[in-house]
């Protein structure tokens, strides 16, 4: 069975947890007191942390960077909203395999 980690347990993180519940994912969100993360290399890690807008209109990637830095996974799936080219930039910066999968959940 594949090992899965979800980093960020806000609205999207909780929905992902329900979707992948059969895989028994570990969860990590220090802001919401979730921590079942193990000291292993995960097969997949989903990053779903906040990316608020700064006053100058830029996207604040500090939580994304922190999550990537603290995550050891073969594939990191970035689900947080980020500007174009960010995935490639972060992949080079951290020397990790990062892919982007934009998230959208409707109102239902």
N, C-alpha and C. Protein backbone atom coordinates (compact mmCIF):
# COMPACT_ATOMS: atom_id res chain seq x y z
N UNK A 1 0.84 -1.18 0.00
CA UNK A 1 0.00 0.00 0.00
C UNK A 1 0.89 1.25 0.00
N UNK A 2 0.47 2.25 -0.73
CA UNK A 2 1.21 3.51 -0.83
C UNK A 2 1.03 4.32 0.46
N UNK A 3 2.10 5.03 0.84
CA UNK A 3 2.01 5.91 2.00
C UNK A 3 1.70 7.32 1.53
N UNK A 4 0.77 7.96 2.22
CA UNK A 4 0.26 9.27 1.82
C UNK A 4 0.29 10.21 3.02
N UNK A 5 0.71 11.45 2.76
CA UNK A 5 0.70 12.50 3.78
C UNK A 5 -0.07 13.69 3.23
N UNK A 6 -0.90 14.27 4.08
CA UNK A 6 -1.61 15.51 3.74
C UNK A 6 -1.09 16.58 4.68
N UNK A 7 -0.53 17.65 4.11
CA UNK A 7 0.01 18.75 4.90
C UNK A 7 -0.94 19.94 4.74
N UNK A 8 -1.64 20.26 5.80
CA UNK A 8 -2.64 21.32 5.79
C UNK A 8 -4.02 20.71 5.94
N UNK A 9 -4.67 20.95 7.06
CA UNK A 9 -5.96 20.33 7.32
C UNK A 9 -7.09 21.35 7.39
N UNK A 10 -7.02 22.32 6.49
CA UNK A 10 -8.13 23.25 6.34
C UNK A 10 -9.24 22.58 5.55
N UNK A 11 -10.07 23.36 4.90
CA UNK A 11 -11.20 22.86 4.14
C UNK A 11 -10.77 21.84 3.09
N UNK A 12 -9.79 22.19 2.27
CA UNK A 12 -9.34 21.31 1.20
C UNK A 12 -8.63 20.07 1.76
N UNK A 13 -7.79 20.26 2.76
CA UNK A 13 -7.10 19.12 3.37
C UNK A 13 -8.06 18.10 3.94
N UNK A 14 -9.13 18.58 4.56
CA UNK A 14 -10.12 17.66 5.13
C UNK A 14 -10.88 16.92 4.04
N UNK A 15 -11.16 17.60 2.93
CA UNK A 15 -11.83 16.93 1.80
C UNK A 15 -10.91 15.88 1.19
N UNK A 16 -9.63 16.20 1.06
CA UNK A 16 -8.67 15.22 0.54
C UNK A 16 -8.59 14.01 1.47
N UNK A 17 -8.59 14.26 2.77
CA UNK A 17 -8.55 13.16 3.74
C UNK A 17 -9.71 12.21 3.50
N UNK A 18 -10.90 12.75 3.31
CA UNK A 18 -12.07 11.90 3.07
C UNK A 18 -11.93 11.13 1.76
N UNK A 19 -11.39 11.79 0.72
CA UNK A 19 -11.22 11.12 -0.58
C UNK A 19 -10.22 9.97 -0.50
N UNK A 20 -9.15 10.16 0.27
CA UNK A 20 -8.09 9.16 0.36
C UNK A 20 -8.14 8.34 1.64
N UNK A 21 -9.27 8.37 2.31
CA UNK A 21 -9.41 7.70 3.61
C UNK A 21 -9.03 6.22 3.56
N UNK A 22 -9.31 5.54 2.46
CA UNK A 22 -8.98 4.12 2.34
C UNK A 22 -7.47 3.87 2.39
N UNK A 23 -6.68 4.90 2.04
CA UNK A 23 -5.22 4.78 2.08
C UNK A 23 -4.66 5.10 3.46
N UNK A 24 -5.55 5.47 4.39
CA UNK A 24 -5.14 5.81 5.75
C UNK A 24 -4.02 6.87 5.76
N UNK A 25 -4.29 8.04 5.19
CA UNK A 25 -3.24 9.06 5.10
C UNK A 25 -2.86 9.63 6.46
N UNK A 26 -1.59 9.96 6.59
CA UNK A 26 -1.14 10.72 7.76
C UNK A 26 -1.43 12.18 7.49
N UNK A 27 -1.59 12.96 8.55
CA UNK A 27 -1.92 14.38 8.42
C UNK A 27 -0.98 15.21 9.26
N UNK A 28 -0.69 16.41 8.74
CA UNK A 28 0.16 17.32 9.50
C UNK A 28 -0.31 18.75 9.27
N UNK A 29 -0.63 19.41 10.36
CA UNK A 29 -0.98 20.83 10.33
C UNK A 29 -0.73 21.39 11.73
N UNK A 30 0.43 22.03 11.92
CA UNK A 30 0.76 22.53 13.26
C UNK A 30 -0.18 23.63 13.74
N UNK A 31 -0.86 24.30 12.81
CA UNK A 31 -1.78 25.38 13.19
C UNK A 31 -3.11 24.85 13.70
N UNK A 32 -3.43 23.60 13.36
CA UNK A 32 -4.69 23.00 13.78
C UNK A 32 -4.49 21.78 14.67
N UNK A 33 -3.28 21.60 15.17
CA UNK A 33 -2.93 20.49 16.07
C UNK A 33 -3.19 19.11 15.47
N UNK A 34 -2.89 18.95 14.17
CA UNK A 34 -2.91 17.64 13.52
C UNK A 34 -1.47 17.20 13.35
N UNK A 35 -1.14 16.01 13.83
CA UNK A 35 0.21 15.50 13.59
C UNK A 35 0.24 13.99 13.76
N UNK A 36 0.03 13.30 12.65
CA UNK A 36 0.21 11.86 12.62
C UNK A 36 1.36 11.51 11.67
N UNK A 37 2.14 12.54 11.31
CA UNK A 37 3.27 12.36 10.40
C UNK A 37 4.32 11.47 11.04
N UNK A 38 4.82 10.54 10.25
CA UNK A 38 5.85 9.61 10.71
C UNK A 38 7.20 10.02 10.14
N UNK A 39 8.23 9.47 10.67
CA UNK A 39 9.59 9.75 10.20
C UNK A 39 9.94 8.76 9.09
N UNK A 40 9.22 8.88 7.97
CA UNK A 40 9.43 8.00 6.82
C UNK A 40 9.45 8.84 5.54
N UNK A 41 9.83 8.20 4.45
CA UNK A 41 9.70 8.82 3.13
C UNK A 41 8.34 8.37 2.58
N UNK A 42 7.45 9.31 2.41
CA UNK A 42 6.12 9.01 1.89
C UNK A 42 6.18 8.81 0.38
N UNK A 43 5.26 8.02 -0.14
CA UNK A 43 5.15 7.88 -1.59
C UNK A 43 4.61 9.18 -2.19
N UNK A 44 3.56 9.72 -1.55
CA UNK A 44 2.94 10.96 -2.01
C UNK A 44 2.67 11.87 -0.83
N UNK A 45 2.89 13.16 -1.02
CA UNK A 45 2.51 14.16 -0.03
C UNK A 45 1.71 15.24 -0.74
N UNK A 46 0.56 15.56 -0.20
CA UNK A 46 -0.28 16.61 -0.74
C UNK A 46 -0.11 17.86 0.12
N UNK A 47 0.31 18.95 -0.51
CA UNK A 47 0.51 20.21 0.20
C UNK A 47 -0.71 21.08 -0.08
N UNK A 48 -1.46 21.38 0.97
CA UNK A 48 -2.68 22.19 0.84
C UNK A 48 -2.71 23.24 1.95
N UNK A 49 -1.74 24.12 1.92
CA UNK A 49 -1.62 25.17 2.94
C UNK A 49 -2.04 26.51 2.35
N UNK A 50 -2.21 27.49 3.22
CA UNK A 50 -2.63 28.83 2.79
C UNK A 50 -1.56 29.53 1.95
N UNK A 51 -2.03 30.29 0.98
CA UNK A 51 -1.16 31.15 0.17
C UNK A 51 -1.81 32.53 0.05
N UNK A 52 -1.83 33.27 1.17
CA UNK A 52 -2.51 34.57 1.16
C UNK A 52 -1.78 35.58 0.28
N UNK A 53 -2.51 36.60 -0.10
CA UNK A 53 -1.94 37.69 -0.91
C UNK A 53 -1.26 38.70 0.00
N UNK A 54 -0.07 39.12 -0.40
CA UNK A 54 0.62 40.17 0.33
C UNK A 54 0.04 41.53 -0.09
N UNK A 55 0.42 42.58 0.63
CA UNK A 55 -0.08 43.92 0.31
C UNK A 55 0.28 44.35 -1.11
N UNK A 56 1.43 43.88 -1.61
CA UNK A 56 1.86 44.26 -2.95
C UNK A 56 1.23 43.38 -4.04
N UNK A 57 0.34 42.47 -3.65
CA UNK A 57 -0.36 41.62 -4.61
C UNK A 57 0.32 40.30 -4.89
N UNK A 58 1.54 40.11 -4.39
CA UNK A 58 2.24 38.85 -4.59
C UNK A 58 1.65 37.77 -3.68
N UNK A 59 1.84 36.54 -4.09
CA UNK A 59 1.38 35.39 -3.31
C UNK A 59 2.42 35.08 -2.23
N UNK A 60 1.98 34.93 -0.99
CA UNK A 60 2.87 34.58 0.11
C UNK A 60 3.09 33.07 0.11
N UNK A 61 4.27 32.65 -0.27
CA UNK A 61 4.58 31.23 -0.39
C UNK A 61 5.30 30.66 0.84
N UNK A 62 5.34 31.42 1.93
CA UNK A 62 6.11 30.99 3.10
C UNK A 62 5.61 29.66 3.67
N UNK A 63 4.30 29.46 3.76
CA UNK A 63 3.78 28.20 4.29
C UNK A 63 4.03 27.04 3.32
N UNK A 64 3.97 27.33 2.03
CA UNK A 64 4.26 26.30 1.03
C UNK A 64 5.72 25.86 1.15
N UNK A 65 6.61 26.84 1.21
CA UNK A 65 8.05 26.53 1.34
C UNK A 65 8.33 25.72 2.61
N UNK A 66 7.74 26.15 3.71
CA UNK A 66 7.93 25.44 4.98
C UNK A 66 7.42 24.01 4.88
N UNK A 67 6.26 23.83 4.29
CA UNK A 67 5.69 22.49 4.15
C UNK A 67 6.57 21.59 3.27
N UNK A 68 7.06 22.13 2.17
CA UNK A 68 7.92 21.34 1.28
C UNK A 68 9.22 20.98 1.99
N UNK A 69 9.79 21.94 2.68
CA UNK A 69 11.05 21.72 3.37
C UNK A 69 10.92 20.62 4.44
N UNK A 70 9.78 20.57 5.11
CA UNK A 70 9.57 19.61 6.20
C UNK A 70 9.01 18.27 5.73
N UNK A 71 8.80 18.12 4.42
CA UNK A 71 8.16 16.93 3.90
C UNK A 71 9.15 16.09 3.11
N UNK A 72 9.20 14.82 3.45
CA UNK A 72 10.05 13.88 2.74
C UNK A 72 9.14 12.92 2.00
N UNK A 73 9.02 13.11 0.68
CA UNK A 73 8.15 12.27 -0.13
C UNK A 73 8.75 12.09 -1.52
N UNK A 74 8.44 10.97 -2.14
CA UNK A 74 8.90 10.74 -3.50
C UNK A 74 8.27 11.71 -4.48
N UNK A 75 6.98 11.98 -4.28
CA UNK A 75 6.26 12.93 -5.12
C UNK A 75 5.47 13.86 -4.22
N UNK A 76 5.67 15.16 -4.40
CA UNK A 76 4.90 16.16 -3.68
C UNK A 76 3.89 16.76 -4.65
N UNK A 77 2.63 16.69 -4.26
CA UNK A 77 1.55 17.23 -5.08
C UNK A 77 1.11 18.55 -4.46
N UNK A 78 1.40 19.63 -5.13
CA UNK A 78 1.06 20.96 -4.64
C UNK A 78 -0.37 21.27 -5.04
N UNK A 79 -1.27 21.37 -4.06
CA UNK A 79 -2.67 21.68 -4.32
C UNK A 79 -3.01 23.11 -3.91
N UNK A 80 -2.10 23.79 -3.24
CA UNK A 80 -2.31 25.18 -2.85
C UNK A 80 -2.26 26.05 -4.11
N UNK A 81 -2.99 27.16 -4.07
CA UNK A 81 -3.00 28.08 -5.20
C UNK A 81 -1.68 28.84 -5.27
N UNK A 82 -1.01 28.73 -6.41
CA UNK A 82 0.27 29.41 -6.61
C UNK A 82 0.31 30.01 -8.02
N UNK A 83 1.13 31.04 -8.22
CA UNK A 83 1.25 31.63 -9.55
C UNK A 83 1.94 30.69 -10.55
N UNK A 84 1.75 30.94 -11.85
CA UNK A 84 2.43 30.13 -12.87
C UNK A 84 3.95 30.12 -12.65
N UNK A 85 4.57 29.05 -12.98
CA UNK A 85 6.02 28.77 -12.89
C UNK A 85 6.50 28.51 -11.46
N UNK A 86 5.64 28.63 -10.48
CA UNK A 86 6.04 28.42 -9.08
C UNK A 86 6.47 26.97 -8.85
N UNK A 87 5.75 26.03 -9.44
CA UNK A 87 6.07 24.62 -9.23
C UNK A 87 7.48 24.30 -9.68
N UNK A 88 7.84 24.77 -10.87
CA UNK A 88 9.19 24.53 -11.39
C UNK A 88 10.24 25.20 -10.51
N UNK A 89 9.96 26.42 -10.08
CA UNK A 89 10.89 27.16 -9.23
C UNK A 89 11.13 26.41 -7.91
N UNK A 90 10.04 25.95 -7.27
CA UNK A 90 10.16 25.26 -5.99
C UNK A 90 10.83 23.90 -6.15
N UNK A 91 10.55 23.23 -7.24
CA UNK A 91 11.18 21.94 -7.50
C UNK A 91 12.70 22.08 -7.60
N UNK A 92 13.15 23.11 -8.28
CA UNK A 92 14.60 23.37 -8.38
C UNK A 92 15.17 23.84 -7.04
N UNK A 93 14.44 24.72 -6.37
CA UNK A 93 14.90 25.27 -5.09
C UNK A 93 15.13 24.18 -4.04
N UNK A 94 14.23 23.21 -3.98
CA UNK A 94 14.31 22.17 -2.95
C UNK A 94 14.83 20.83 -3.48
N UNK A 95 15.09 20.77 -4.78
CA UNK A 95 15.56 19.55 -5.41
C UNK A 95 14.64 18.37 -5.08
N UNK A 96 13.34 18.60 -5.27
CA UNK A 96 12.32 17.58 -5.01
C UNK A 96 11.39 17.49 -6.21
N UNK A 97 10.79 16.32 -6.36
CA UNK A 97 9.83 16.10 -7.45
C UNK A 97 8.48 16.68 -7.01
N UNK A 98 8.12 17.81 -7.59
CA UNK A 98 6.88 18.51 -7.23
C UNK A 98 6.02 18.66 -8.48
N UNK A 99 4.75 18.32 -8.34
CA UNK A 99 3.79 18.51 -9.42
C UNK A 99 2.66 19.39 -8.89
N UNK A 100 1.96 20.03 -9.81
CA UNK A 100 0.87 20.93 -9.42
C UNK A 100 -0.45 20.35 -9.89
N UNK A 101 -1.39 20.30 -9.00
CA UNK A 101 -2.73 19.85 -9.31
C UNK A 101 -3.71 20.84 -8.69
N UNK A 102 -4.18 21.81 -9.48
CA UNK A 102 -5.05 22.84 -8.92
C UNK A 102 -6.31 22.24 -8.31
N UNK A 103 -6.77 22.88 -7.29
CA UNK A 103 -7.89 22.36 -6.52
C UNK A 103 -9.13 23.21 -6.76
N UNK A 104 -10.26 22.54 -6.91
CA UNK A 104 -11.52 23.25 -6.95
C UNK A 104 -12.59 22.34 -6.39
N UNK A 105 -13.27 22.81 -5.40
CA UNK A 105 -14.44 22.13 -4.88
C UNK A 105 -15.59 23.12 -5.01
N UNK A 106 -16.65 22.68 -5.64
CA UNK A 106 -17.81 23.54 -5.80
C UNK A 106 -18.51 23.80 -4.48
N UNK A 107 -19.64 24.41 -4.55
CA UNK A 107 -20.38 24.77 -3.35
C UNK A 107 -21.23 23.64 -2.79
N UNK A 108 -21.25 22.50 -3.46
CA UNK A 108 -22.06 21.38 -2.97
C UNK A 108 -21.27 20.48 -2.08
